[in-house]
Amino acid sequence: MTWRLRPRGLRARIVVGFAAGTLLVSAVLVATTFLLARNYLLDQRESSATRQAFTDANLLRSRLSTAGVEIGDVLADLFPAGGSAVVVRNGEAWYSSSLDVGARDVPGALQELVAGGAAGTVRIESATGPRLVVGVAVPAAGIEFFEVAPLTELQLSLRTLAAVLGAGALAATAAGAAFGTWASRRAVHPLEQVAGAATSIAGGELTTRLPSTDDPDLVAIVGSFNSMVDALAARIDRDARFVGDVSHELRSPLTTLTTSVEVMGARREELSPRGREALTLIEAELRRFRRTLDDLLELARLDADATAEPLPPVSLGQVVREVLAHTGRPADLLTTDGDAPTTVRADKSTLERAVVNLLDNADRHAGGARRVMVQQRDGAVVLHVDDAGPGVAPADRERVFERFARGARTARGSLPGAGLGLAIVAETAARHGGAAWCSASPDGGARFSLALPGVRP
């Protein structure tokens, strides 16, 4: 199994960067400070022990200069400072001021150095902790003097210092991470504003703009973004006006043409068989033309409707019942969840148009609606229209809601219609904060669904 690490976000990377940088700097400072302090304290302790050893050696030499004095007697009266112990070599004999320290604690290298008449120091490890051994040759008394000083207290001090410095490094790292969190929020906040504004604009709120800022690094970005949105809103408004104007301009000649055809239809019996056939084709195309104009006007109205006024509550179930009755469809097509509320906030005429389009789509392309259901699901009211057709291929279930999506590319044959009915359904759902989609019906065929946010009683 291959494990892949998830990419970290920008904010996480900023926080980790600040924390890692602070930790690195703190580690360098802690290591440097500890080494300098350690070396300084060891040098001071070694200098102090060396001076003490020379002082004790001179004291021992002066006492041994008295006739009849034994080395053991003098060592018994010698009390070195700091808990040190004295070891003396006289020929092959060894003497010690402590039972715990003896010749075994004096390194051989130091013995050879002192035997040559020089002085030296060596740090050793013992069962009771580190020690410092200072060796001094005393030729006047014919002895070799060794003083063993414990370094346990110094070791404890260094451990305390290391713990304090480590805690300081961890505190600095935590402070760095906290500062990184603050800095990341400041750095990512403009991006979050842009993302929020872009989401609102994508949802149809073209009046959304980024707030002005005094940050010289963001002034250009804010200005460019707002200018882009202004241009986009102007373009959409211009296109919507163009479609509306064209549709309105076409209504007058269409009305005249429709009236003329109705006059001809009244005298249909006076026409030749070919003339009657041509008149039938013209009437069908005029109906299709009128339906297309109505759809274009509805889309233009939806595109231009950017008001934020609250919509009245409407019962979707009641709207569906009224549409079924008005279009002459049987009322038993509709099934609901009993007394479950189906109230939504919507423009009733627009909602009726969407329901009619779903039913007409089933009539034109799938042999009519087989079942109409209104249900409440997870706070939303959902309308399902199941048809009796062959269904829609999964690859085309999103594209059928596009404008002018019709013909053979919809996998439903080259059938009547301008391909605007389902586009109006999708636009209506989007304008009301809902969604429209296509899926497979459990009974075969296709299921077209419209979901709108429900209103709590």
Protein backbone atom coordinates (compact mmCIF):
# COMPACT_ATOMS: atom_id res chain seq x y z
CA MET A 1 0.00 0.00 0.00
CA THR A 2 1.36 3.40 -0.97
CA TRP A 3 0.76 6.24 1.44
CA ARG A 4 0.55 9.72 0.01
CA LEU A 5 0.89 12.77 2.22
CA ARG A 6 -1.85 15.31 1.83
CA PRO A 7 -0.53 18.69 0.64
CA ARG A 8 -0.50 21.27 3.41
CA GLY A 9 -2.42 24.48 3.01
CA LEU A 10 -0.79 27.90 2.78
CA ARG A 11 -1.70 28.76 6.36
CA ALA A 12 -0.26 25.49 7.68
CA ARG A 13 2.95 26.00 5.71
CA ILE A 14 3.36 29.52 7.12
CA VAL A 15 2.86 28.29 10.69
CA VAL A 16 5.25 25.36 10.19
CA GLY A 17 7.79 27.70 8.60
CA PHE A 18 7.71 30.14 11.51
CA ALA A 19 7.87 27.32 14.07
CA ALA A 20 10.73 25.54 12.28
CA GLY A 21 12.67 28.78 11.85
CA THR A 22 12.24 29.70 15.50
CA LEU A 23 13.22 26.19 16.58
CA LEU A 24 16.35 26.26 14.43
CA VAL A 25 17.45 29.66 15.74
CA SER A 26 16.65 28.64 19.31
CA ALA A 27 18.57 25.38 18.94
CA VAL A 28 21.65 27.22 17.65
CA LEU A 29 21.47 29.77 20.46
CA VAL A 30 20.88 27.07 23.10
CA ALA A 31 23.76 24.93 21.87
CA THR A 32 26.11 27.91 21.64
CA THR A 33 25.12 29.24 25.05
CA PHE A 34 25.41 25.83 26.70
CA LEU A 35 28.82 25.08 25.22
CA LEU A 36 30.20 28.49 26.13
CA ALA A 37 28.80 28.25 29.68
CA ARG A 38 30.04 24.67 30.07
CA ASN A 39 33.55 25.50 28.93
CA TYR A 40 33.67 28.60 31.08
CA LEU A 41 32.47 26.79 34.22
CA LEU A 42 34.86 23.88 33.65
CA ASP A 43 37.78 26.25 33.14
CA GLN A 44 36.86 28.12 36.30
CA ARG A 45 36.51 24.88 38.27
CA GLU A 46 39.80 23.56 36.91
CA SER A 47 41.62 26.79 37.77
CA SER A 48 40.14 26.80 41.27
CA ALA A 49 41.03 23.13 41.82
CA THR A 50 44.56 23.70 40.53
CA ARG A 51 45.15 26.64 42.88
CA GLN A 52 43.70 24.66 45.77
CA ALA A 53 45.97 21.69 44.94
CA PHE A 54 49.09 23.84 44.88
CA THR A 55 48.10 25.45 48.17
CA ASP A 56 47.50 22.06 49.81
CA ALA A 57 50.76 20.69 48.37
CA ASN A 58 52.74 23.59 49.85
CA LEU A 59 50.98 23.13 53.18
CA LEU A 60 51.83 19.42 53.13
CA ARG A 61 55.48 20.14 52.22
CA SER A 62 55.84 22.68 55.07
CA ARG A 63 54.45 20.24 57.62
CA LEU A 64 56.59 17.38 56.41
CA SER A 65 59.65 19.55 56.87
CA THR A 66 59.24 19.13 60.61
CA ALA A 67 61.35 16.27 61.92
CA GLY A 68 59.51 13.12 62.93
CA VAL A 69 56.25 13.92 61.14
CA GLU A 70 54.62 11.10 59.21
CA ILE A 71 52.69 11.57 55.96
CA GLY A 72 49.65 9.73 57.31
CA ASP A 73 49.48 12.01 60.34
CA VAL A 74 49.63 15.12 58.20
CA LEU A 75 46.96 13.85 55.77
CA ALA A 76 44.62 13.17 58.71
CA ASP A 77 44.83 16.86 59.64
CA LEU A 78 44.49 18.08 56.00
CA PHE A 79 40.96 19.14 55.02
CA PRO A 80 40.84 20.26 51.34
CA ALA A 81 37.95 22.56 50.35
CA GLY A 82 34.97 21.44 48.27
CA GLY A 83 34.96 17.83 49.48
CA SER A 84 38.22 17.01 47.69
CA ALA A 85 40.46 14.10 48.69
CA VAL A 86 44.26 13.99 48.72
CA VAL A 87 46.35 11.08 47.49
CA VAL A 88 50.12 11.09 48.08
CA ARG A 89 52.73 8.80 46.59
CA ASN A 90 56.00 8.36 48.41
CA GLY A 91 58.14 5.95 46.51
CA GLU A 92 56.07 2.81 46.17
CA ALA A 93 53.76 3.69 49.06
CA TRP A 94 50.39 5.39 48.60
CA TYR A 95 48.57 7.47 51.18
CA SER A 96 45.02 8.86 51.03
CA SER A 97 42.94 11.24 53.12
CA SER A 98 39.73 9.32 52.26
CA LEU A 99 38.80 5.69 52.30
CA ASP A 100 36.82 6.11 49.06
CA VAL A 101 39.72 7.53 47.04
CA GLY A 102 43.07 5.91 46.42
CA ALA A 103 45.76 5.14 43.86
CA ARG A 104 43.17 3.48 41.61
CA ASP A 105 41.59 6.90 41.03
CA VAL A 106 44.78 8.49 39.69
CA PRO A 107 45.18 7.87 35.93
CA GLY A 108 48.48 6.32 34.87
CA ALA A 109 49.15 9.12 32.35
CA LEU A 110 48.93 11.69 35.12
CA GLN A 111 51.20 9.60 37.35
CA GLU A 112 53.86 9.52 34.65
CA LEU A 113 53.49 13.27 34.07
CA VAL A 114 53.92 14.11 37.74
CA ALA A 115 56.77 11.59 38.12
CA GLY A 116 58.59 13.65 35.47
CA GLY A 117 58.38 16.72 37.70
CA ALA A 118 55.47 18.45 35.94
CA ALA A 119 51.95 19.32 37.05
CA GLY A 120 48.71 18.43 35.24
CA THR A 121 44.97 17.88 35.42
CA VAL A 122 42.74 15.06 34.15
CA ARG A 123 38.93 14.64 34.22
CA ILE A 124 37.73 11.13 34.97
CA GLU A 125 34.41 9.32 35.40
CA SER A 126 33.69 7.34 38.55
CA ALA A 127 30.78 5.53 40.10
CA THR A 128 29.88 8.66 42.08
CA GLY A 129 30.17 11.05 39.14
CA PRO A 130 32.83 13.02 37.26
CA ARG A 131 36.01 14.07 39.04
CA LEU A 132 38.95 16.34 38.40
CA VAL A 133 42.39 15.01 39.38
CA VAL A 134 45.19 17.55 39.85
CA GLY A 135 48.75 16.22 40.10
CA VAL A 136 51.67 18.24 41.53
CA ALA A 137 55.27 17.11 42.06
CA VAL A 138 56.82 18.11 45.43
CA PRO A 139 60.58 17.38 45.01
CA ALA A 140 61.51 19.07 48.30
CA ALA A 141 59.51 16.48 50.22
CA GLY A 142 60.18 13.62 47.78
CA ILE A 143 56.50 12.99 47.17
CA GLU A 144 53.95 13.19 44.36
CA PHE A 145 50.77 15.06 45.36
CA PHE A 146 47.33 14.31 43.81
CA GLU A 147 44.10 16.06 44.73
CA VAL A 148 40.81 14.54 43.51
CA ALA A 149 37.99 17.16 43.31
CA PRO A 150 34.37 16.01 42.64
CA LEU A 151 32.50 17.67 39.75
CA THR A 152 29.03 16.41 40.70
CA GLU A 153 27.76 19.84 41.72
CA LEU A 154 29.03 21.34 38.49
CA GLN A 155 27.35 18.54 36.52
CA LEU A 156 24.02 19.23 38.25
CA SER A 157 24.39 22.94 37.48
CA LEU A 158 25.03 22.15 33.81
CA ARG A 159 21.99 19.86 33.67
CA THR A 160 19.83 22.58 35.21
CA LEU A 161 21.20 25.05 32.70
CA ALA A 162 20.46 22.65 29.81
CA ALA A 163 16.90 22.11 31.06
CA VAL A 164 16.31 25.85 31.37
CA LEU A 165 17.73 26.53 27.92
CA GLY A 166 15.69 23.67 26.42
CA ALA A 167 12.52 24.97 28.01
CA GLY A 168 13.35 28.42 26.67
CA ALA A 169 13.81 26.96 23.17
CA LEU A 170 10.45 25.19 23.36
CA ALA A 171 8.78 28.36 24.62
CA ALA A 172 10.36 30.33 21.78
CA THR A 173 9.18 27.71 19.28
CA ALA A 174 5.63 27.90 20.66
CA ALA A 175 5.80 31.69 20.46
CA GLY A 176 7.04 31.39 16.88
CA ALA A 177 4.16 29.07 16.00
CA ALA A 178 1.69 31.47 17.62
CA PHE A 179 3.16 34.38 15.70
CA GLY A 180 3.07 32.28 12.54
CA THR A 181 -0.63 31.58 13.15
CA TRP A 182 -1.30 35.29 13.51
CA ALA A 183 0.81 36.11 10.45
CA SER A 184 -0.83 33.37 8.39
CA ARG A 185 -4.28 34.73 9.20
CA ARG A 186 -3.19 38.18 8.16
CA ALA A 187 -1.62 36.84 4.98
CA VAL A 188 -4.49 34.53 4.01
CA HIS A 189 -7.31 36.89 4.95
CA PRO A 190 -7.18 38.81 1.62
CA LEU A 191 -7.32 35.48 -0.25
CA GLU A 192 -10.32 34.42 1.81
CA GLN A 193 -12.03 37.70 0.97
CA VAL A 194 -11.37 37.14 -2.73
CA ALA A 195 -12.63 33.55 -2.50
CA GLY A 196 -15.78 34.63 -0.65
CA ALA A 197 -16.48 37.39 -3.15
CA ALA A 198 -15.88 35.03 -6.07
CA THR A 199 -18.28 32.48 -4.53
CA SER A 200 -20.98 35.14 -4.10
CA ILE A 201 -20.50 36.34 -7.67
CA ALA A 202 -20.68 32.79 -8.98
CA GLY A 203 -23.97 32.43 -7.08
CA GLY A 204 -25.41 35.39 -8.99
CA GLU A 205 -24.75 38.25 -6.54
CA LEU A 206 -23.08 40.55 -9.05
CA THR A 207 -23.20 43.48 -6.63
CA THR A 208 -20.51 41.88 -4.46
CA ARG A 209 -17.24 43.82 -4.34
CA LEU A 210 -14.03 43.61 -2.33
CA PRO A 211 -13.78 46.26 0.40
CA SER A 212 -11.28 49.06 -0.12
CA THR A 213 -7.91 48.75 1.59
CA ASP A 214 -5.00 50.97 2.56
CA ASP A 215 -2.45 48.21 2.04
CA PRO A 216 -0.28 49.33 -0.90
CA ASP A 217 0.39 45.71 -1.84
CA LEU A 218 -3.34 44.93 -2.14
CA VAL A 219 -4.67 48.14 -3.67
CA ALA A 220 -3.91 46.99 -7.23
CA ILE A 221 -5.44 43.53 -6.64
CA VAL A 222 -8.63 44.95 -5.10
CA GLY A 223 -9.00 47.52 -7.86
CA SER A 224 -8.42 44.98 -10.63
CA PHE A 225 -10.85 42.48 -9.09
CA ASN A 226 -13.61 45.05 -8.66
CA SER A 227 -13.05 46.36 -12.18
CA MET A 228 -13.29 42.83 -13.53
CA VAL A 229 -16.58 42.26 -11.69
CA ASP A 230 -17.95 45.59 -12.95
CA ALA A 231 -17.09 44.60 -16.52
CA LEU A 232 -18.62 41.16 -16.03
CA ALA A 233 -21.82 42.58 -14.55
CA ALA A 234 -22.07 45.12 -17.37
CA ARG A 235 -21.56 42.40 -19.97
CA ILE A 236 -24.21 40.13 -18.42
CA ASP A 237 -26.64 43.03 -18.12
CA ARG A 238 -25.98 44.03 -21.73
CA ASP A 239 -26.50 40.50 -22.98
CA ALA A 240 -29.72 40.13 -20.95
CA ARG A 241 -31.04 43.43 -22.30
CA PHE A 242 -30.12 42.39 -25.82
CA VAL A 243 -32.01 39.09 -25.52
CA GLY A 244 -35.00 40.84 -23.97
CA ASP A 245 -35.03 43.60 -26.56
CA VAL A 246 -34.77 41.14 -29.44
CA SER A 247 -37.55 39.00 -27.96
CA HIS A 248 -39.80 42.03 -27.47
CA GLU A 249 -39.09 43.29 -30.99
CA LEU A 250 -40.02 39.91 -32.40
CA ARG A 251 -43.33 39.83 -30.59
CA SER A 252 -45.00 42.41 -32.85
CA PRO A 253 -44.28 40.68 -36.18
CA LEU A 254 -45.02 37.33 -34.52
CA THR A 255 -48.40 38.59 -33.36
CA THR A 256 -49.16 39.91 -36.84
CA LEU A 257 -48.05 36.66 -38.42
CA THR A 258 -50.08 34.62 -35.94
CA THR A 259 -53.19 36.69 -36.65
CA SER A 260 -52.74 36.23 -40.38
CA VAL A 261 -52.35 32.49 -40.00
CA GLU A 262 -55.46 32.32 -37.81
CA VAL A 263 -57.38 34.12 -40.57
CA MET A 264 -56.08 31.62 -43.07
CA GLY A 265 -56.97 28.80 -40.71
CA ALA A 266 -60.56 30.01 -40.58
CA ARG A 267 -60.73 29.50 -44.33
CA ARG A 268 -58.84 26.24 -44.29
CA GLU A 269 -61.55 24.40 -46.24
CA GLU A 270 -61.08 26.77 -49.18
CA LEU A 271 -57.41 25.80 -49.54
CA SER A 272 -56.06 22.98 -51.64
CA PRO A 273 -54.77 19.85 -49.90
CA ARG A 274 -51.16 21.05 -50.30
CA GLY A 275 -52.14 24.48 -49.00
CA ARG A 276 -53.79 22.97 -45.92
CA GLU A 277 -50.67 20.88 -45.29
CA ALA A 278 -48.47 23.96 -45.60
CA LEU A 279 -50.79 25.87 -43.24
CA THR A 280 -50.53 23.07 -40.66
CA LEU A 281 -46.72 23.22 -40.79
CA ILE A 282 -46.78 27.01 -40.43
CA GLU A 283 -49.08 26.79 -37.40
CA ALA A 284 -46.79 24.22 -35.74
CA GLU A 285 -43.70 26.34 -36.39
CA LEU A 286 -45.44 29.46 -35.09
CA ARG A 287 -46.33 27.68 -31.86
CA ARG A 288 -42.74 26.58 -31.52
CA PHE A 289 -41.55 30.10 -32.31
CA ARG A 290 -43.86 31.60 -29.69
CA ARG A 291 -42.73 29.06 -27.10
CA THR A 292 -39.08 29.85 -27.86
CA LEU A 293 -39.73 33.59 -27.49
CA ASP A 294 -41.48 33.03 -24.18
CA ASP A 295 -38.52 30.96 -22.96
CA LEU A 296 -36.05 33.62 -24.08
CA LEU A 297 -38.01 36.32 -22.28
CA GLU A 298 -38.13 34.19 -19.14
CA LEU A 299 -34.37 33.58 -19.25
CA ALA A 300 -33.74 37.29 -19.82
CA ARG A 301 -35.92 38.09 -16.81
CA LEU A 302 -34.08 35.56 -14.65
CA ASP A 303 -30.70 36.90 -15.79
CA ALA A 304 -31.73 40.48 -15.01
CA ASP A 305 -33.36 39.65 -11.66
CA ALA A 306 -30.63 40.37 -9.09
CA THR A 307 -32.83 41.77 -6.34
CA ALA A 308 -32.24 40.64 -2.78
CA GLU A 309 -35.84 41.20 -1.63
CA PRO A 310 -37.27 38.35 0.48
CA LEU A 311 -39.56 36.05 -1.49
CA PRO A 312 -42.98 34.99 -0.17
CA PRO A 313 -43.55 31.45 1.14
CA VAL A 314 -45.13 29.15 -1.40
CA SER A 315 -46.28 25.52 -1.08
CA LEU A 316 -44.54 23.54 -3.80
CA GLY A 317 -47.03 20.73 -3.44
CA GLN A 318 -49.94 23.13 -4.01
CA VAL A 319 -48.20 24.68 -7.02
CA VAL A 320 -47.78 21.23 -8.57
CA ARG A 321 -51.48 20.42 -7.97
CA GLU A 322 -52.53 23.68 -9.63
CA VAL A 323 -50.25 23.06 -12.62
CA LEU A 324 -51.61 19.53 -13.08
CA ALA A 325 -55.18 20.81 -12.96
CA HIS A 326 -54.49 23.75 -15.28
CA THR A 327 -52.74 21.57 -17.89
CA GLY A 328 -55.40 18.87 -17.81
CA ARG A 329 -53.16 16.18 -16.36
CA PRO A 330 -54.59 13.63 -13.86
CA ALA A 331 -54.23 14.63 -10.21
CA ASP A 332 -53.24 11.09 -9.19
CA LEU A 333 -49.83 11.61 -10.84
CA LEU A 334 -48.81 13.49 -7.69
CA THR A 335 -47.63 11.70 -4.55
CA THR A 336 -46.48 13.47 -1.37
CA ASP A 337 -45.16 12.60 2.07
CA GLY A 338 -48.51 12.89 3.77
CA ASP A 339 -48.81 16.09 5.80
CA ALA A 340 -45.09 16.94 5.56
CA PRO A 341 -44.67 20.69 4.86
CA THR A 342 -43.54 21.58 1.35
CA THR A 343 -43.21 25.34 1.82
CA VAL A 344 -40.41 27.18 0.05
CA ARG A 345 -39.62 30.83 -0.60
CA ALA A 346 -40.04 31.48 -4.31
CA ASP A 347 -41.73 33.56 -6.96
CA LYS A 348 -44.90 31.59 -7.67
CA SER A 349 -45.14 32.38 -11.39
CA THR A 350 -41.49 31.44 -11.95
CA LEU A 351 -41.95 28.24 -9.97
CA GLU A 352 -45.05 27.34 -11.96
CA ARG A 353 -43.11 27.88 -15.18
CA ALA A 354 -40.37 25.50 -13.98
CA VAL A 355 -42.90 22.81 -13.08
CA VAL A 356 -44.64 23.18 -16.45
CA ASN A 357 -41.29 22.88 -18.23
CA LEU A 358 -40.50 19.63 -16.41
CA LEU A 359 -43.87 18.16 -17.35
CA ASP A 360 -43.65 19.40 -20.97
CA ASN A 361 -40.15 17.95 -21.23
CA ALA A 362 -41.52 14.53 -20.25
CA ASP A 363 -44.36 14.92 -22.79
CA ARG A 364 -42.10 15.91 -25.69
CA HIS A 365 -39.23 13.53 -25.14
CA ALA A 366 -40.38 10.55 -23.04
CA GLY A 367 -44.05 9.82 -23.67
CA GLY A 368 -45.28 11.82 -20.68
CA ALA A 369 -44.78 11.87 -16.92
CA ARG A 370 -45.23 8.57 -15.13
CA ARG A 371 -45.13 9.91 -11.57
CA VAL A 372 -44.67 13.29 -9.86
CA MET A 373 -43.40 13.33 -6.26
CA VAL A 374 -42.94 16.16 -3.77
CA GLN A 375 -40.86 15.21 -0.73
CA GLN A 376 -39.02 16.86 2.12
CA ARG A 377 -35.40 15.76 2.44
CA ASP A 378 -32.80 17.19 4.85
CA GLY A 379 -34.38 20.62 5.10
CA ALA A 380 -35.11 20.89 1.36
CA VAL A 381 -38.28 20.34 -0.64
CA VAL A 382 -37.63 18.14 -3.68
CA LEU A 383 -39.79 17.69 -6.77
CA HIS A 384 -39.21 14.52 -8.81
CA VAL A 385 -40.71 13.97 -12.27
CA ASP A 386 -40.33 10.38 -13.51
CA ASP A 387 -40.97 9.82 -17.19
CA ALA A 388 -41.65 6.72 -19.30
CA GLY A 389 -38.84 7.25 -21.80
CA PRO A 390 -35.56 5.44 -22.44
CA GLY A 391 -33.68 7.60 -19.94
CA VAL A 392 -30.74 9.95 -20.33
CA ALA A 393 -27.19 8.73 -20.74
CA PRO A 394 -24.99 9.54 -17.68
CA ALA A 395 -22.65 11.59 -19.87
CA ASP A 396 -25.55 13.87 -20.92
CA ARG A 397 -27.29 14.33 -17.54
CA GLU A 398 -25.58 17.64 -16.85
CA ARG A 399 -25.53 18.94 -20.41
CA VAL A 400 -29.30 18.66 -20.87
CA PHE A 401 -29.67 21.66 -18.51
CA GLU A 402 -27.54 23.86 -20.76
CA ARG A 403 -29.20 26.41 -22.99
CA PHE A 404 -30.13 25.18 -26.47
CA ALA A 405 -29.06 21.62 -25.57
CA ARG A 406 -31.31 19.60 -27.88
CA GLY A 407 -31.29 17.32 -30.89
CA ALA A 408 -29.33 14.13 -31.33
CA ARG A 409 -26.60 15.24 -28.93
CA THR A 410 -29.05 14.92 -26.05
CA ALA A 411 -29.40 11.20 -26.81
CA ARG A 412 -33.16 11.71 -27.11
CA GLY A 413 -33.55 12.17 -30.87
CA SER A 414 -34.14 15.31 -32.94
CA LEU A 415 -37.44 16.24 -31.26
CA PRO A 416 -39.36 19.53 -31.07
CA GLY A 417 -38.21 22.23 -28.70
CA ALA A 418 -35.55 24.90 -28.55
CA GLY A 419 -33.62 23.34 -25.67
CA LEU A 420 -34.51 26.15 -23.22
CA GLY A 421 -37.07 24.48 -20.96
CA LEU A 422 -34.63 22.61 -18.73
CA ALA A 423 -32.26 25.60 -18.78
CA ILE A 424 -35.09 27.69 -17.26
CA VAL A 425 -35.58 24.98 -14.60
CA ALA A 426 -31.86 25.03 -13.70
CA GLU A 427 -31.76 28.84 -13.66
CA THR A 428 -34.88 28.99 -11.48
CA ALA A 429 -33.34 26.55 -9.01
CA ALA A 430 -30.10 28.52 -8.88
CA ARG A 431 -31.91 31.84 -8.37
CA HIS A 432 -33.79 30.38 -5.41
CA GLY A 433 -30.74 28.78 -3.78
CA GLY A 434 -31.55 25.26 -4.93
CA ALA A 435 -30.43 22.82 -7.59
CA ALA A 436 -31.73 20.79 -10.52
CA TRP A 437 -30.38 17.47 -11.72
CA CYS A 438 -31.17 14.39 -13.77
CA SER A 439 -30.86 10.76 -12.68
CA ALA A 440 -32.24 7.35 -13.50
CA SER A 441 -35.78 6.59 -12.37
CA PRO A 442 -36.25 3.47 -10.21
CA ASP A 443 -39.02 2.39 -12.62
CA GLY A 444 -36.92 2.98 -15.74
CA GLY A 445 -36.71 6.13 -17.78
CA ALA A 446 -35.34 9.40 -16.46
CA ARG A 447 -35.99 11.33 -13.25
CA PHE A 448 -35.70 15.12 -13.33
CA SER A 449 -35.47 16.71 -9.92
CA LEU A 450 -35.83 20.25 -8.59
CA ALA A 451 -34.79 21.00 -4.99
CA LEU A 452 -35.38 24.26 -3.12
CA PRO A 453 -34.57 25.19 0.49
CA GLY A 454 -37.53 24.46 2.74
CA VAL A 455 -39.13 26.93 5.13
CA ARG A 456 -39.62 25.81 8.71
CA PRO A 457 -43.18 26.17 9.94
